[in-house]
Amino acid sequence: DDLKILLVIAIGEPAEQVVIDPLGTDCGIK
């Protein structure tokens, strides 16, 4: 009880591709 959980880090071998795109002119960050 004297500890609080801050976050959880999930770990594994990725099964998906993640790509970085330039932010569009609509400023959509989602």
PDB file of all heavy atoms in Angstrom:
ATOM      1  N   ASP A   1       0.799  -1.224   0.000  1.00  0.00           N
ATOM      2  CA  ASP A   1       0.000   0.000   0.000  1.00  0.00           C
ATOM      3  C   ASP A   1       0.834   1.279   0.000  1.00  0.00           C
ATOM      4  O   ASP A   1       0.339   2.328  -0.410  1.00  0.00           O
ATOM      5  CB  ASP A   1      -0.938   0.023   1.214  1.00  0.00           C
ATOM      6  CG  ASP A   1      -2.057  -0.992   1.087  1.00  0.00           C
ATOM      7  OD1 ASP A   1      -2.309  -1.456  -0.040  1.00  0.00           O
ATOM      8  OD2 ASP A   1      -2.669  -1.320   2.118  1.00  0.00           O
ATOM      9  N   ASP A   2       2.070   1.210   0.466  1.00  0.00           N
ATOM     10  CA  ASP A   2       2.892   2.423   0.507  1.00  0.00           C
ATOM     11  C   ASP A   2       3.481   2.773  -0.854  1.00  0.00           C
ATOM     12  O   ASP A   2       4.157   3.792  -1.002  1.00  0.00           O
ATOM     13  CB  ASP A   2       3.993   2.310   1.561  1.00  0.00           C
ATOM     14  CG  ASP A   2       4.973   1.182   1.273  1.00  0.00           C
ATOM     15  OD1 ASP A   2       4.563   0.163   0.672  1.00  0.00           O
ATOM     16  OD2 ASP A   2       6.152   1.316   1.646  1.00  0.00           O
ATOM     17  N   LEU A   3       3.209   1.931  -1.868  1.00  0.00           N
ATOM     18  CA  LEU A   3       3.659   2.200  -3.238  1.00  0.00           C
ATOM     19  C   LEU A   3       2.454   2.471  -4.125  1.00  0.00           C
ATOM     20  O   LEU A   3       1.387   1.882  -3.938  1.00  0.00           O
ATOM     21  CB  LEU A   3       4.438   1.014  -3.804  1.00  0.00           C
ATOM     22  CG  LEU A   3       5.753   0.662  -3.123  1.00  0.00           C
ATOM     23  CD1 LEU A   3       6.332  -0.603  -3.738  1.00  0.00           C
ATOM     24  CD2 LEU A   3       6.748   1.803  -3.221  1.00  0.00           C
ATOM     25  N   LYS A   4       2.641   3.343  -5.116  1.00  0.00           N
ATOM     26  CA  LYS A   4       1.596   3.579  -6.118  1.00  0.00           C
ATOM     27  C   LYS A   4       2.141   3.176  -7.480  1.00  0.00           C
ATOM     28  O   LYS A   4       3.309   3.422  -7.799  1.00  0.00           O
ATOM     29  CB  LYS A   4       1.153   5.038  -6.120  1.00  0.00           C
ATOM     30  CG  LYS A   4       2.238   6.024  -6.492  1.00  0.00           C
ATOM     31  CD  LYS A   4       1.733   7.449  -6.472  1.00  0.00           C
ATOM     32  CE  LYS A   4       2.903   8.402  -6.750  1.00  0.00           C
ATOM     33  NZ  LYS A   4       2.509   9.784  -6.716  1.00  0.00           N
ATOM     34  N   ILE A   5       1.295   2.543  -8.265  1.00  0.00           N
ATOM     35  CA  ILE A   5       1.678   2.154  -9.619  1.00  0.00           C
ATOM     36  C   ILE A   5       1.649   3.401 -10.490  1.00  0.00           C
ATOM     37  O   ILE A   5       0.669   4.136 -10.507  1.00  0.00           O
ATOM     38  CB  ILE A   5       0.738   1.069 -10.172  1.00  0.00           C
ATOM     39  CG1 ILE A   5       0.913  -0.223  -9.374  1.00  0.00           C
ATOM     40  CG2 ILE A   5       0.989   0.838 -11.663  1.00  0.00           C
ATOM     41  CD1 ILE A   5      -0.084  -1.310  -9.725  1.00  0.00           C
ATOM     42  N   LEU A   6       2.750   3.630 -11.230  1.00  0.00           N
ATOM     43  CA  LEU A   6       2.841   4.783 -12.122  1.00  0.00           C
ATOM     44  C   LEU A   6       2.460   4.421 -13.544  1.00  0.00           C
ATOM     45  O   LEU A   6       1.744   5.157 -14.212  1.00  0.00           O
ATOM     46  CB  LEU A   6       4.254   5.363 -12.083  1.00  0.00           C
ATOM     47  CG  LEU A   6       4.761   5.775 -10.694  1.00  0.00           C
ATOM     48  CD1 LEU A   6       6.206   6.237 -10.778  1.00  0.00           C
ATOM     49  CD2 LEU A   6       3.872   6.848 -10.099  1.00  0.00           C
ATOM     50  N   LEU A   7       2.969   3.309 -14.027  1.00  0.00           N
ATOM     51  CA  LEU A   7       2.607   2.807 -15.349  1.00  0.00           C
ATOM     52  C   LEU A   7       3.068   1.379 -15.496  1.00  0.00           C
ATOM     53  O   LEU A   7       3.773   0.850 -14.641  1.00  0.00           O
ATOM     54  CB  LEU A   7       3.146   3.687 -16.478  1.00  0.00           C
ATOM     55  CG  LEU A   7       4.639   3.895 -16.695  1.00  0.00           C
ATOM     56  CD1 LEU A   7       5.290   2.715 -17.379  1.00  0.00           C
ATOM     57  CD2 LEU A   7       4.837   5.106 -17.579  1.00  0.00           C
ATOM     58  N   VAL A   8       2.646   0.757 -16.587  1.00  0.00           N
ATOM     59  CA  VAL A   8       3.031  -0.610 -16.903  1.00  0.00           C
ATOM     60  C   VAL A   8       3.709  -0.590 -18.264  1.00  0.00           C
ATOM     61  O   VAL A   8       3.208   0.033 -19.204  1.00  0.00           O
ATOM     62  CB  VAL A   8       1.805  -1.550 -16.926  1.00  0.00           C
ATOM     63  CG1 VAL A   8       2.200  -2.955 -17.365  1.00  0.00           C
ATOM     64  CG2 VAL A   8       1.119  -1.570 -15.565  1.00  0.00           C
ATOM     65  N   ILE A   9       4.853  -1.251 -18.372  1.00  0.00           N
ATOM     66  CA  ILE A   9       5.544  -1.374 -19.651  1.00  0.00           C
ATOM     67  C   ILE A   9       5.310  -2.789 -20.168  1.00  0.00           C
ATOM     68  O   ILE A   9       5.715  -3.760 -19.536  1.00  0.00           O
ATOM     69  CB  ILE A   9       7.047  -1.084 -19.514  1.00  0.00           C
ATOM     70  CG1 ILE A   9       7.273   0.311 -18.921  1.00  0.00           C
ATOM     71  CG2 ILE A   9       7.738  -1.230 -20.872  1.00  0.00           C
ATOM     72  CD1 ILE A   9       8.722   0.613 -18.591  1.00  0.00           C
ATOM     73  N   ALA A  10       4.603  -2.880 -21.291  1.00  0.00           N
ATOM     74  CA  ALA A  10       4.363  -4.160 -21.946  1.00  0.00           C
ATOM     75  C   ALA A  10       5.582  -4.473 -22.811  1.00  0.00           C
ATOM     76  O   ALA A  10       6.105  -3.587 -23.493  1.00  0.00           O
ATOM     77  CB  ALA A  10       3.110  -4.079 -22.812  1.00  0.00           C
ATOM     78  N   ILE A  11       6.038  -5.721 -22.777  1.00  0.00           N
ATOM     79  CA  ILE A  11       7.250  -6.129 -23.507  1.00  0.00           C
ATOM     80  C   ILE A  11       6.952  -7.399 -24.294  1.00  0.00           C
ATOM     81  O   ILE A  11       6.294  -8.313 -23.798  1.00  0.00           O
ATOM     82  CB  ILE A  11       8.419  -6.418 -22.535  1.00  0.00           C
ATOM     83  CG1 ILE A  11       8.737  -5.215 -21.659  1.00  0.00           C
ATOM     84  CG2 ILE A  11       9.652  -6.912 -23.290  1.00  0.00           C
ATOM     85  CD1 ILE A  11       9.522  -4.128 -22.323  1.00  0.00           C
ATOM     86  N   GLY A  12       7.472  -7.465 -25.513  1.00  0.00           N
ATOM     87  CA  GLY A  12       7.358  -8.674 -26.316  1.00  0.00           C
ATOM     88  C   GLY A  12       7.974  -8.453 -27.685  1.00  0.00           C
ATOM     89  O   GLY A  12       8.523  -7.391 -27.978  1.00  0.00           O
ATOM     90  N   GLU A  13       7.867  -9.467 -28.516  1.00  0.00           N
ATOM     91  CA  GLU A  13       8.326  -9.328 -29.903  1.00  0.00           C
ATOM     92  C   GLU A  13       7.204  -8.678 -30.702  1.00  0.00           C
ATOM     93  O   GLU A  13       6.093  -9.217 -30.760  1.00  0.00           O
ATOM     94  CB  GLU A  13       8.667 -10.687 -30.501  1.00  0.00           C
ATOM     95  CG  GLU A  13       9.156 -10.583 -31.926  1.00  0.00           C
ATOM     96  CD  GLU A  13       9.464 -11.930 -32.549  1.00  0.00           C
ATOM     97  OE1 GLU A  13       9.560 -12.936 -31.823  1.00  0.00           O
ATOM     98  OE2 GLU A  13       9.602 -11.965 -33.785  1.00  0.00           O
ATOM     99  N   PRO A  14       7.449  -7.517 -31.314  1.00  0.00           N
ATOM    100  CA  PRO A  14       6.389  -6.826 -32.048  1.00  0.00           C
ATOM    101  C   PRO A  14       5.812  -7.689 -33.175  1.00  0.00           C
ATOM    102  O   PRO A  14       6.540  -8.382 -33.879  1.00  0.00           O
ATOM    103  CB  PRO A  14       7.088  -5.596 -32.624  1.00  0.00           C
ATOM    104  CG  PRO A  14       8.263  -5.376 -31.734  1.00  0.00           C
ATOM    105  CD  PRO A  14       8.701  -6.751 -31.309  1.00  0.00           C
ATOM    106  N   ALA A  15       4.491  -7.609 -33.309  1.00  0.00           N
ATOM    107  CA  ALA A  15       3.794  -8.306 -34.391  1.00  0.00           C
ATOM    108  C   ALA A  15       3.063  -7.298 -35.264  1.00  0.00           C
ATOM    109  O   ALA A  15       2.055  -7.619 -35.886  1.00  0.00           O
ATOM    110  CB  ALA A  15       2.814  -9.327 -33.824  1.00  0.00           C
ATOM    111  N   GLU A  16       3.553  -6.081 -35.274  1.00  0.00           N
ATOM    112  CA  GLU A  16       2.952  -5.051 -36.107  1.00  0.00           C
ATOM    113  C   GLU A  16       4.046  -4.109 -36.589  1.00  0.00           C
ATOM    114  O   GLU A  16       5.106  -4.004 -35.973  1.00  0.00           O
ATOM    115  CB  GLU A  16       1.880  -4.271 -35.352  1.00  0.00           C
ATOM    116  CG  GLU A  16       2.385  -3.439 -34.206  1.00  0.00           C
ATOM    117  CD  GLU A  16       1.262  -2.691 -33.488  1.00  0.00           C
ATOM    118  OE1 GLU A  16       0.183  -2.508 -34.076  1.00  0.00           O
ATOM    119  OE2 GLU A  16       1.475  -2.293 -32.345  1.00  0.00           O
ATOM    120  N   GLN A  17       3.739  -3.448 -37.689  1.00  0.00           N
ATOM    121  CA  GLN A  17       4.647  -2.435 -38.216  1.00  0.00           C
ATOM    122  C   GLN A  17       4.142  -1.075 -37.775  1.00  0.00           C
ATOM    123  O   GLN A  17       2.951  -0.775 -37.906  1.00  0.00           O
ATOM    124  CB  GLN A  17       4.710  -2.498 -39.736  1.00  0.00           C
ATOM    125  CG  GLN A  17       5.660  -1.477 -40.329  1.00  0.00           C
ATOM    126  CD  GLN A  17       5.692  -1.534 -41.849  1.00  0.00           C
ATOM    127  OE1 GLN A  17       4.902  -2.208 -42.484  1.00  0.00           O
ATOM    128  NE2 GLN A  17       6.624  -0.804 -42.423  1.00  0.00           N
ATOM    129  N   VAL A  18       5.060  -0.264 -37.235  1.00  0.00           N
ATOM    130  CA  VAL A  18       4.730   1.093 -36.837  1.00  0.00           C
ATOM    131  C   VAL A  18       5.605   2.029 -37.662  1.00  0.00           C
ATOM    132  O   VAL A  18       6.824   1.860 -37.708  1.00  0.00           O
ATOM    133  CB  VAL A  18       4.971   1.321 -35.332  1.00  0.00           C
ATOM    134  CG1 VAL A  18       4.655   2.754 -34.947  1.00  0.00           C
ATOM    135  CG2 VAL A  18       4.143   0.348 -34.499  1.00  0.00           C
ATOM    136  N   VAL A  19       4.987   2.998 -38.329  1.00  0.00           N
ATOM    137  CA  VAL A  19       5.727   3.941 -39.166  1.00  0.00           C
ATOM    138  C   VAL A  19       5.478   5.366 -38.687  1.00  0.00           C
ATOM    139  O   VAL A  19       4.413   5.679 -38.155  1.00  0.00           O
ATOM    140  CB  VAL A  19       5.368   3.809 -40.664  1.00  0.00           C
ATOM    141  CG1 VAL A  19       5.749   2.439 -41.207  1.00  0.00           C
ATOM    142  CG2 VAL A  19       3.897   4.079 -40.909  1.00  0.00           C
ATOM    143  N   ILE A  20       6.470   6.205 -38.887  1.00  0.00           N
ATOM    144  CA  ILE A  20       6.361   7.619 -38.559  1.00  0.00           C
ATOM    145  C   ILE A  20       5.992   8.366 -39.829  1.00  0.00           C
ATOM    146  O   ILE A  20       6.621   8.195 -40.873  1.00  0.00           O
ATOM    147  CB  ILE A  20       7.696   8.153 -37.993  1.00  0.00           C
ATOM    148  CG1 ILE A  20       8.034   7.431 -36.690  1.00  0.00           C
ATOM    149  CG2 ILE A  20       7.629   9.661 -37.780  1.00  0.00           C
ATOM    150  CD1 ILE A  20       9.408   7.763 -36.144  1.00  0.00           C
ATOM    151  N   ASP A  21       4.940   9.185 -39.749  1.00  0.00           N
ATOM    152  CA  ASP A  21       4.495  10.013 -40.860  1.00  0.00           C
ATOM    153  C   ASP A  21       4.708  11.479 -40.502  1.00  0.00           C
ATOM    154  O   ASP A  21       4.647  11.842 -39.323  1.00  0.00           O
ATOM    155  CB  ASP A  21       2.993   9.814 -41.122  1.00  0.00           C
ATOM    156  CG  ASP A  21       2.652   8.423 -41.616  1.00  0.00           C
ATOM    157  OD1 ASP A  21       3.490   7.795 -42.287  1.00  0.00           O
ATOM    158  OD2 ASP A  21       1.531   7.964 -41.325  1.00  0.00           O
ATOM    159  N   PRO A  22       4.904  12.342 -41.509  1.00  0.00           N
ATOM    160  CA  PRO A  22       4.927  13.776 -41.209  1.00  0.00           C
ATOM    161  C   PRO A  22       3.545  14.226 -40.740  1.00  0.00           C
ATOM    162  O   PRO A  22       2.530  13.723 -41.222  1.00  0.00           O
ATOM    163  CB  PRO A  22       5.298  14.435 -42.534  1.00  0.00           C
ATOM    164  CG  PRO A  22       5.377  13.355 -43.559  1.00  0.00           C
ATOM    165  CD  PRO A  22       5.109  12.041 -42.910  1.00  0.00           C
ATOM    166  N   LEU A  23       3.537  15.137 -39.803  1.00  0.00           N
ATOM    167  CA  LEU A  23       2.277  15.698 -39.316  1.00  0.00           C
ATOM    168  C   LEU A  23       1.647  16.501 -40.449  1.00  0.00           C
ATOM    169  O   LEU A  23       2.293  17.356 -41.042  1.00  0.00           O
ATOM    170  CB  LEU A  23       2.534  16.589 -38.101  1.00  0.00           C
ATOM    171  CG  LEU A  23       1.328  17.048 -37.322  1.00  0.00           C
ATOM    172  CD1 LEU A  23       0.669  15.868 -36.606  1.00  0.00           C
ATOM    173  CD2 LEU A  23       1.734  18.088 -36.296  1.00  0.00           C
ATOM    174  N   GLY A  24       0.385  16.237 -40.755  1.00  0.00           N
ATOM    175  CA  GLY A  24      -0.301  16.920 -41.836  1.00  0.00           C
ATOM    176  C   GLY A  24      -0.627  18.361 -41.496  1.00  0.00           C
ATOM    177  O   GLY A  24      -0.471  18.809 -40.356  1.00  0.00           O
ATOM    178  N   THR A  25      -1.085  19.090 -42.476  1.00  0.00           N
ATOM    179  CA  THR A  25      -1.432  20.501 -42.268  1.00  0.00           C
ATOM    180  C   THR A  25      -2.644  20.666 -41.366  1.00  0.00           C
ATOM    181  O   THR A  25      -2.876  21.743 -40.839  1.00  0.00           O
ATOM    182  CB  THR A  25      -1.701  21.199 -43.617  1.00  0.00           C
ATOM    183  OG1 THR A  25      -2.721  20.467 -44.302  1.00  0.00           O
ATOM    184  CG2 THR A  25      -0.434  21.246 -44.454  1.00  0.00           C
ATOM    185  N   ASP A  26      -3.408  19.592 -41.166  1.00  0.00           N
ATOM    186  CA  ASP A  26      -4.568  19.670 -40.276  1.00  0.00           C
ATOM    187  C   ASP A  26      -4.171  19.567 -38.810  1.00  0.00           C
ATOM    188  O   ASP A  26      -5.024  19.649 -37.928  1.00  0.00           O
ATOM    189  CB  ASP A  26      -5.581  18.583 -40.625  1.00  0.00           C
ATOM    190  CG  ASP A  26      -5.028  17.174 -40.398  1.00  0.00           C
ATOM    191  OD1 ASP A  26      -3.824  17.033 -40.107  1.00  0.00           O
ATOM    192  OD2 ASP A  26      -5.817  16.220 -40.502  1.00  0.00           O
ATOM    193  N   CYS A  27      -2.860  19.394 -38.539  1.00  0.00           N
ATOM    194  CA  CYS A  27      -2.313  19.281 -37.182  1.00  0.00           C
ATOM    195  C   CYS A  27      -2.883  18.087 -36.422  1.00  0.00           C
ATOM    196  O   CYS A  27      -2.901  18.076 -35.200  1.00  0.00           O
ATOM    197  CB  CYS A  27      -2.525  20.566 -36.376  1.00  0.00           C
ATOM    198  SG  CYS A  27      -1.573  21.934 -37.033  1.00  0.00           S
ATOM    199  N   GLY A  28      -3.348  17.071 -37.139  1.00  0.00           N
ATOM    200  CA  GLY A  28      -3.863  15.874 -36.482  1.00  0.00           C
ATOM    201  C   GLY A  28      -2.733  15.048 -35.890  1.00  0.00           C
ATOM    202  O   GLY A  28      -1.868  14.575 -36.610  1.00  0.00           O
ATOM    203  N   ILE A  29      -2.746  14.892 -34.581  1.00  0.00           N
ATOM    204  CA  ILE A  29      -1.685  14.145 -33.907  1.00  0.00           C
ATOM    205  C   ILE A  29      -2.087  12.712 -33.600  1.00  0.00           C
ATOM    206  O   ILE A  29      -1.279  11.937 -33.110  1.00  0.00           O
ATOM    207  CB  ILE A  29      -1.281  14.838 -32.590  1.00  0.00           C
ATOM    208  CG1 ILE A  29      -2.491  14.971 -31.674  1.00  0.00           C
ATOM    209  CG2 ILE A  29      -0.611  16.173 -32.865  1.00  0.00           C
ATOM    210  CD1 ILE A  29      -2.166  15.267 -30.235  1.00  0.00           C
ATOM    211  N   LYS A  30      -3.328  12.342 -33.879  1.00  0.00           N
ATOM    212  CA  LYS A  30      -3.802  11.017 -33.519  1.00  0.00           C
ATOM    213  C   LYS A  30      -3.161   9.942 -34.397  1.00  0.00           C
ATOM    214  O   LYS A  30      -3.138  10.054 -35.616  1.00  0.00           O
ATOM    215  CB  LYS A  30      -5.321  10.931 -33.654  1.00  0.00           C
ATOM    216  CG  LYS A  30      -6.049  11.791 -32.643  1.00  0.00           C
ATOM    217  CD  LYS A  30      -7.548  11.624 -32.784  1.00  0.00           C
ATOM    218  CE  LYS A  30      -8.266  12.436 -31.724  1.00  0.00           C
ATOM    219  NZ  LYS A  30      -9.724  12.252 -31.811  1.00  0.00           N
TER     220      LYS A  30
END
